[in-house]
N, C-alpha and C. Protein backbone atom coordinates (compact mmCIF):
# COMPACT_ATOMS: atom_id res chain seq x y z
N GLN A 1 -9.34 15.99 10.66
CA GLN A 1 -9.74 15.08 9.59
C GLN A 1 -8.34 14.35 9.18
N VAL A 2 -8.37 13.06 9.19
CA VAL A 2 -7.20 12.27 8.79
C VAL A 2 -7.06 12.27 7.33
N GLN A 3 -5.89 12.55 6.70
CA GLN A 3 -5.60 12.41 5.25
C GLN A 3 -4.44 11.55 4.94
N LEU A 4 -4.60 10.84 4.00
CA LEU A 4 -3.40 9.96 3.50
C LEU A 4 -3.19 10.38 2.04
N VAL A 5 -1.84 10.54 1.73
CA VAL A 5 -1.53 10.86 0.43
C VAL A 5 -0.44 9.98 -0.18
N GLU A 6 -0.81 9.33 -1.29
CA GLU A 6 0.23 8.36 -1.84
C GLU A 6 0.99 9.09 -2.92
N SER A 7 2.13 8.58 -3.16
CA SER A 7 3.10 9.05 -4.24
C SER A 7 3.97 7.86 -4.67
N GLY A 8 4.59 8.09 -5.75
CA GLY A 8 5.62 7.15 -6.26
C GLY A 8 5.14 6.28 -7.38
N GLY A 9 3.98 6.36 -7.75
CA GLY A 9 3.53 5.60 -8.99
C GLY A 9 4.08 6.15 -10.15
N GLY A 10 3.97 5.31 -11.33
CA GLY A 10 4.47 5.70 -12.59
C GLY A 10 4.47 4.52 -13.57
N LEU A 11 5.08 4.66 -14.70
CA LEU A 11 5.28 3.74 -15.66
C LEU A 11 6.55 3.06 -15.64
N VAL A 12 6.70 1.69 -15.63
CA VAL A 12 7.86 1.09 -15.51
C VAL A 12 7.80 -0.21 -16.37
N GLN A 13 8.92 -0.59 -16.88
CA GLN A 13 8.96 -1.80 -17.70
C GLN A 13 8.94 -3.08 -16.77
N ALA A 14 8.47 -4.16 -17.36
CA ALA A 14 8.46 -5.59 -16.64
C ALA A 14 9.79 -5.78 -16.11
N GLY A 15 9.82 -6.14 -14.81
CA GLY A 15 11.15 -6.47 -14.12
C GLY A 15 11.62 -5.37 -13.37
N GLY A 16 10.95 -4.15 -13.61
CA GLY A 16 11.51 -2.96 -12.89
C GLY A 16 10.99 -2.86 -11.48
N SER A 17 11.32 -1.73 -10.88
CA SER A 17 11.02 -1.52 -9.46
C SER A 17 10.38 -0.15 -9.21
N LEU A 18 9.57 0.05 -8.30
CA LEU A 18 8.90 1.27 -7.90
C LEU A 18 8.77 1.31 -6.33
N ARG A 19 8.87 2.44 -5.76
CA ARG A 19 8.66 2.46 -4.25
C ARG A 19 7.56 3.45 -4.06
N LEU A 20 6.50 2.96 -3.44
CA LEU A 20 5.31 3.84 -3.16
C LEU A 20 5.39 4.39 -1.77
N SER A 21 4.97 5.66 -1.50
CA SER A 21 4.91 6.14 -0.26
C SER A 21 3.45 6.59 0.16
N CYS A 22 3.17 6.51 1.39
CA CYS A 22 1.89 6.99 1.96
C CYS A 22 2.11 7.75 3.22
N VAL A 23 1.95 9.12 3.12
CA VAL A 23 2.17 10.05 4.17
C VAL A 23 0.83 10.33 4.81
N ALA A 24 0.80 10.26 6.17
CA ALA A 24 -0.38 10.56 6.89
C ALA A 24 -0.36 11.95 7.66
N SER A 25 -1.49 12.62 7.77
CA SER A 25 -1.43 13.84 8.45
C SER A 25 -1.73 13.46 9.92
N GLY A 26 -1.38 14.45 10.78
CA GLY A 26 -1.73 14.26 12.23
C GLY A 26 -0.99 13.11 12.92
N ARG A 27 -1.47 12.91 14.10
CA ARG A 27 -0.83 11.85 14.89
C ARG A 27 -1.59 10.56 14.81
N PHE A 28 -2.34 10.42 13.82
CA PHE A 28 -3.21 9.25 13.79
C PHE A 28 -2.46 7.91 13.70
N PHE A 29 -1.26 7.85 13.32
CA PHE A 29 -0.49 6.57 13.22
C PHE A 29 -0.29 5.83 14.44
N ILE A 30 -0.58 6.61 15.61
CA ILE A 30 -0.35 5.92 16.73
C ILE A 30 -1.54 4.83 16.94
N GLY A 31 -1.07 3.69 16.96
CA GLY A 31 -2.01 2.55 17.15
C GLY A 31 -2.64 2.06 15.75
N TYR A 32 -2.40 2.69 14.70
CA TYR A 32 -3.06 2.39 13.49
C TYR A 32 -2.21 1.33 12.59
N ALA A 33 -2.88 0.36 12.12
CA ALA A 33 -2.34 -0.45 10.98
C ALA A 33 -2.61 0.22 9.68
N VAL A 34 -1.79 -0.09 8.68
CA VAL A 34 -1.86 0.55 7.42
C VAL A 34 -1.85 -0.65 6.37
N GLY A 35 -2.71 -0.48 5.37
CA GLY A 35 -2.61 -1.42 4.30
C GLY A 35 -2.54 -0.80 2.97
N TRP A 36 -1.99 -1.62 2.04
CA TRP A 36 -1.87 -1.20 0.63
C TRP A 36 -2.85 -2.07 -0.14
N PHE A 37 -3.68 -1.47 -1.00
CA PHE A 37 -4.59 -2.09 -1.73
C PHE A 37 -4.41 -1.72 -3.26
N ARG A 38 -4.96 -2.51 -4.16
CA ARG A 38 -4.89 -2.04 -5.58
C ARG A 38 -6.13 -2.47 -6.17
N GLN A 39 -6.45 -1.64 -7.30
CA GLN A 39 -7.60 -1.99 -8.07
C GLN A 39 -7.27 -1.75 -9.58
N ALA A 40 -7.47 -2.90 -10.30
CA ALA A 40 -7.24 -2.91 -11.79
C ALA A 40 -8.42 -2.63 -12.50
N PRO A 41 -8.40 -2.21 -13.75
CA PRO A 41 -9.71 -1.98 -14.41
C PRO A 41 -10.58 -3.11 -14.43
N ARG A 42 -11.82 -2.93 -14.16
CA ARG A 42 -12.78 -4.02 -14.22
C ARG A 42 -12.56 -5.18 -13.08
N LYS A 43 -11.85 -4.80 -12.19
CA LYS A 43 -11.74 -5.77 -11.09
C LYS A 43 -11.99 -5.06 -9.68
N GLU A 44 -12.18 -5.93 -8.78
CA GLU A 44 -12.48 -5.36 -7.42
C GLU A 44 -11.10 -5.01 -6.78
N ARG A 45 -11.26 -4.10 -5.76
CA ARG A 45 -10.13 -3.71 -4.98
C ARG A 45 -9.64 -4.86 -4.10
N GLU A 46 -8.29 -5.12 -4.17
CA GLU A 46 -7.75 -6.20 -3.43
C GLU A 46 -6.63 -5.75 -2.35
N SER A 47 -6.47 -6.59 -1.39
CA SER A 47 -5.46 -6.36 -0.48
C SER A 47 -4.12 -6.72 -1.02
N VAL A 48 -3.05 -5.99 -0.84
CA VAL A 48 -1.73 -6.27 -1.42
C VAL A 48 -0.71 -6.61 -0.22
N ALA A 49 -0.73 -5.62 0.75
CA ALA A 49 0.08 -5.84 1.90
C ALA A 49 -0.46 -5.03 2.97
N ALA A 50 -0.05 -5.34 4.33
CA ALA A 50 -0.43 -4.55 5.42
C ALA A 50 0.63 -4.65 6.55
N ILE A 51 0.56 -3.66 7.44
CA ILE A 51 1.57 -3.63 8.49
C ILE A 51 0.94 -3.03 9.75
N SER A 52 1.26 -3.64 10.91
CA SER A 52 0.85 -3.15 12.16
C SER A 52 1.50 -1.89 12.67
N TRP A 53 0.94 -1.20 13.57
CA TRP A 53 1.60 -0.01 14.10
C TRP A 53 3.05 -0.24 14.45
N SER A 54 3.31 -1.45 15.19
CA SER A 54 4.64 -1.74 15.65
C SER A 54 5.57 -2.14 14.55
N GLY A 55 4.90 -2.79 13.48
CA GLY A 55 5.74 -3.26 12.33
C GLY A 55 5.87 -4.82 12.59
N ASP A 56 5.51 -5.41 13.73
CA ASP A 56 5.79 -6.76 14.05
C ASP A 56 4.73 -7.73 13.37
N THR A 57 3.62 -7.21 12.86
CA THR A 57 2.66 -8.08 12.17
C THR A 57 2.66 -7.46 10.67
N ILE A 58 2.94 -8.35 9.72
CA ILE A 58 2.93 -7.98 8.30
C ILE A 58 2.20 -9.04 7.55
N TYR A 59 1.55 -8.53 6.57
CA TYR A 59 0.65 -9.44 5.62
C TYR A 59 1.10 -9.06 4.17
N TYR A 60 1.23 -10.25 3.40
CA TYR A 60 1.35 -10.06 2.01
C TYR A 60 0.34 -11.00 1.19
N ALA A 61 -0.15 -10.50 0.19
CA ALA A 61 -0.95 -11.40 -0.76
C ALA A 61 -0.07 -12.26 -1.42
N ASP A 62 -0.44 -13.48 -1.61
CA ASP A 62 0.46 -14.50 -2.22
C ASP A 62 1.08 -13.95 -3.59
N SER A 63 0.19 -13.27 -4.25
CA SER A 63 0.59 -12.75 -5.67
C SER A 63 1.89 -11.83 -5.52
N VAL A 64 2.25 -11.28 -4.37
CA VAL A 64 3.28 -10.24 -4.27
C VAL A 64 4.38 -10.69 -3.36
N LYS A 65 4.21 -11.92 -2.73
CA LYS A 65 5.19 -12.39 -1.73
C LYS A 65 6.49 -12.46 -2.54
N ASP A 66 7.52 -12.07 -1.86
CA ASP A 66 8.95 -12.18 -2.35
C ASP A 66 9.21 -11.24 -3.41
N ARG A 67 8.32 -10.37 -3.68
CA ARG A 67 8.66 -9.21 -4.67
C ARG A 67 8.28 -7.96 -4.02
N PHE A 68 7.36 -7.73 -3.18
CA PHE A 68 6.94 -6.58 -2.49
C PHE A 68 7.32 -6.48 -0.99
N THR A 69 7.68 -5.37 -0.54
CA THR A 69 8.04 -5.16 0.89
C THR A 69 7.35 -3.99 1.49
N ILE A 70 6.60 -4.19 2.45
CA ILE A 70 5.90 -3.08 3.17
C ILE A 70 6.84 -2.75 4.37
N SER A 71 6.89 -1.35 4.78
CA SER A 71 7.61 -0.96 5.87
C SER A 71 7.05 0.39 6.31
N ARG A 72 7.40 0.83 7.49
CA ARG A 72 6.86 2.10 7.93
C ARG A 72 7.94 2.83 8.79
N ASP A 73 7.87 4.12 8.79
CA ASP A 73 8.63 5.04 9.59
C ASP A 73 7.67 5.87 10.39
N ASN A 74 7.36 5.45 11.60
CA ASN A 74 6.37 6.28 12.41
C ASN A 74 6.80 7.74 12.67
N ALA A 75 8.01 7.92 12.78
CA ALA A 75 8.57 9.28 13.08
C ALA A 75 8.21 10.20 11.91
N LYS A 76 8.22 9.61 10.75
CA LYS A 76 7.78 10.49 9.49
C LYS A 76 6.34 10.25 9.15
N ASN A 77 5.70 9.46 9.86
CA ASN A 77 4.17 9.33 9.48
C ASN A 77 4.12 8.75 8.06
N THR A 78 4.89 7.80 7.74
CA THR A 78 5.03 7.27 6.39
C THR A 78 5.11 5.81 6.32
N VAL A 79 4.35 5.25 5.42
CA VAL A 79 4.47 3.76 5.10
C VAL A 79 4.90 3.58 3.55
N TYR A 80 5.82 2.67 3.52
CA TYR A 80 6.30 2.55 2.05
C TYR A 80 5.85 1.09 1.52
N LEU A 81 5.80 1.02 0.31
CA LEU A 81 5.65 -0.31 -0.30
C LEU A 81 6.76 -0.41 -1.55
N GLN A 82 7.73 -1.16 -1.27
CA GLN A 82 8.73 -1.39 -2.32
C GLN A 82 8.43 -2.44 -3.26
N MET A 83 8.31 -2.17 -4.46
CA MET A 83 7.78 -3.28 -5.41
C MET A 83 8.90 -3.44 -6.42
N ASN A 84 9.29 -4.79 -6.44
CA ASN A 84 10.40 -5.30 -7.30
C ASN A 84 9.80 -6.33 -8.21
N MET A 85 10.56 -6.55 -9.31
CA MET A 85 10.22 -7.52 -10.26
C MET A 85 8.81 -7.33 -10.70
N LEU A 86 8.38 -6.09 -11.09
CA LEU A 86 7.01 -5.76 -11.47
C LEU A 86 6.64 -6.49 -12.71
N GLN A 87 5.43 -6.74 -12.82
CA GLN A 87 4.92 -7.49 -13.96
C GLN A 87 3.65 -6.80 -14.48
N PRO A 88 3.19 -6.99 -15.70
CA PRO A 88 2.10 -6.33 -16.29
C PRO A 88 0.77 -6.55 -15.42
N GLU A 89 0.68 -7.72 -14.85
CA GLU A 89 -0.59 -7.97 -13.93
C GLU A 89 -0.43 -7.12 -12.65
N ASP A 90 0.54 -6.43 -12.32
CA ASP A 90 0.67 -5.52 -11.21
C ASP A 90 0.05 -4.15 -11.59
N THR A 91 -0.26 -3.85 -12.75
CA THR A 91 -0.85 -2.63 -13.25
C THR A 91 -2.19 -2.41 -12.57
N ALA A 92 -2.23 -1.34 -11.81
CA ALA A 92 -3.56 -1.00 -11.08
C ALA A 92 -3.36 0.37 -10.43
N VAL A 93 -4.39 0.93 -9.88
CA VAL A 93 -4.29 2.10 -9.00
C VAL A 93 -4.16 1.47 -7.54
N TYR A 94 -2.99 2.06 -6.96
CA TYR A 94 -2.61 1.58 -5.55
C TYR A 94 -3.00 2.54 -4.61
N TYR A 95 -3.80 2.00 -3.64
CA TYR A 95 -4.20 2.88 -2.55
C TYR A 95 -3.70 2.42 -1.12
N CYS A 96 -3.41 3.58 -0.23
CA CYS A 96 -3.12 3.14 1.13
C CYS A 96 -4.34 3.44 1.99
N ALA A 97 -4.40 2.69 3.01
CA ALA A 97 -5.63 2.88 3.94
C ALA A 97 -5.12 2.53 5.37
N ALA A 98 -5.92 3.18 6.33
CA ALA A 98 -5.42 3.06 7.67
C ALA A 98 -6.83 2.67 8.57
N ARG A 99 -6.41 1.89 9.53
CA ARG A 99 -7.47 1.56 10.60
C ARG A 99 -6.78 1.35 11.91
N ARG A 100 -7.57 1.72 12.98
CA ARG A 100 -7.01 1.62 14.26
C ARG A 100 -7.09 0.21 14.77
N GLY A 101 -6.08 -0.38 15.12
CA GLY A 101 -6.03 -1.71 15.68
C GLY A 101 -5.22 -2.61 14.84
N THR A 102 -5.58 -3.86 14.65
CA THR A 102 -4.86 -4.88 13.99
C THR A 102 -4.87 -4.91 12.56
N VAL A 103 -3.99 -5.55 11.95
CA VAL A 103 -3.89 -5.86 10.53
C VAL A 103 -5.13 -6.46 9.97
N ARG A 104 -5.74 -6.01 8.92
CA ARG A 104 -6.80 -6.62 8.26
C ARG A 104 -6.62 -6.67 6.83
N THR A 105 -7.33 -7.42 6.10
CA THR A 105 -7.15 -7.46 4.61
C THR A 105 -8.48 -7.15 3.89
N ILE A 106 -9.55 -6.76 4.56
CA ILE A 106 -10.82 -6.43 4.02
C ILE A 106 -11.03 -4.97 3.84
N VAL A 107 -11.45 -4.69 2.56
CA VAL A 107 -11.57 -3.14 2.27
C VAL A 107 -12.40 -2.45 3.27
N GLY A 108 -13.59 -3.02 3.55
CA GLY A 108 -14.52 -2.44 4.48
C GLY A 108 -14.07 -2.20 5.83
N GLU A 109 -12.96 -2.76 6.20
CA GLU A 109 -12.44 -2.59 7.64
C GLU A 109 -11.46 -1.57 7.79
N TYR A 110 -11.26 -0.78 6.81
CA TYR A 110 -10.43 0.41 6.77
C TYR A 110 -11.14 1.67 6.81
N ASP A 111 -10.75 2.61 7.70
CA ASP A 111 -11.42 3.80 7.90
C ASP A 111 -11.16 5.09 7.06
N TYR A 112 -9.86 5.06 6.71
CA TYR A 112 -9.21 6.24 6.03
C TYR A 112 -8.64 5.76 4.69
N TRP A 113 -8.71 6.46 3.67
CA TRP A 113 -8.15 6.08 2.31
C TRP A 113 -7.45 7.22 1.56
N GLY A 114 -6.40 6.98 1.03
CA GLY A 114 -5.82 7.92 0.13
C GLY A 114 -6.54 8.03 -1.31
N GLN A 115 -6.02 8.86 -2.11
CA GLN A 115 -6.55 9.06 -3.48
C GLN A 115 -6.14 8.11 -4.39
N GLY A 116 -5.09 7.49 -4.15
CA GLY A 116 -4.51 6.42 -5.10
C GLY A 116 -3.44 7.00 -5.99
N THR A 117 -2.56 5.99 -6.30
CA THR A 117 -1.49 6.36 -7.35
C THR A 117 -1.42 5.39 -8.30
N GLN A 118 -1.27 5.67 -9.57
CA GLN A 118 -1.37 4.74 -10.71
C GLN A 118 0.09 4.11 -11.03
N VAL A 119 -0.03 2.72 -11.04
CA VAL A 119 1.20 2.11 -11.41
C VAL A 119 0.91 1.24 -12.69
N THR A 120 1.73 1.51 -13.65
CA THR A 120 1.57 0.94 -14.93
C THR A 120 2.83 0.11 -15.38
N VAL A 121 2.73 -1.05 -15.68
CA VAL A 121 3.87 -1.97 -15.91
C VAL A 121 3.76 -2.39 -17.43
N SER A 122 4.65 -2.03 -18.23
CA SER A 122 4.60 -2.44 -19.54
C SER A 122 5.41 -3.71 -19.88
N SER A 123 4.91 -4.44 -20.84
CA SER A 123 5.53 -5.66 -21.14
C SER A 123 6.73 -5.62 -22.16
């Protein structure tokens, strides 16, 4: 069974930075795209960023472009989300998810999910 474990969330002041990590078990990373999603209270889960297996296809939501950077280290089975210039509206539970094949932004197109990590940005 594939497992994804996120870490790196926490409380930060506006303008601060955090780096989230998503570690996968097994060799599933081969050929799998990984996405980061977030869900704020009373809102639907939304796509934040995604990266292909090779790293040559990357997607960012408009709301995080130029502030967030997604990357991966396949040797470590790990995908990162570097988040800079955080704002209160970035407060949410952040999830990583994986799917075999190309990058997608739809929640339902991902097969495996982590348990989430809370990010709270104070004003």
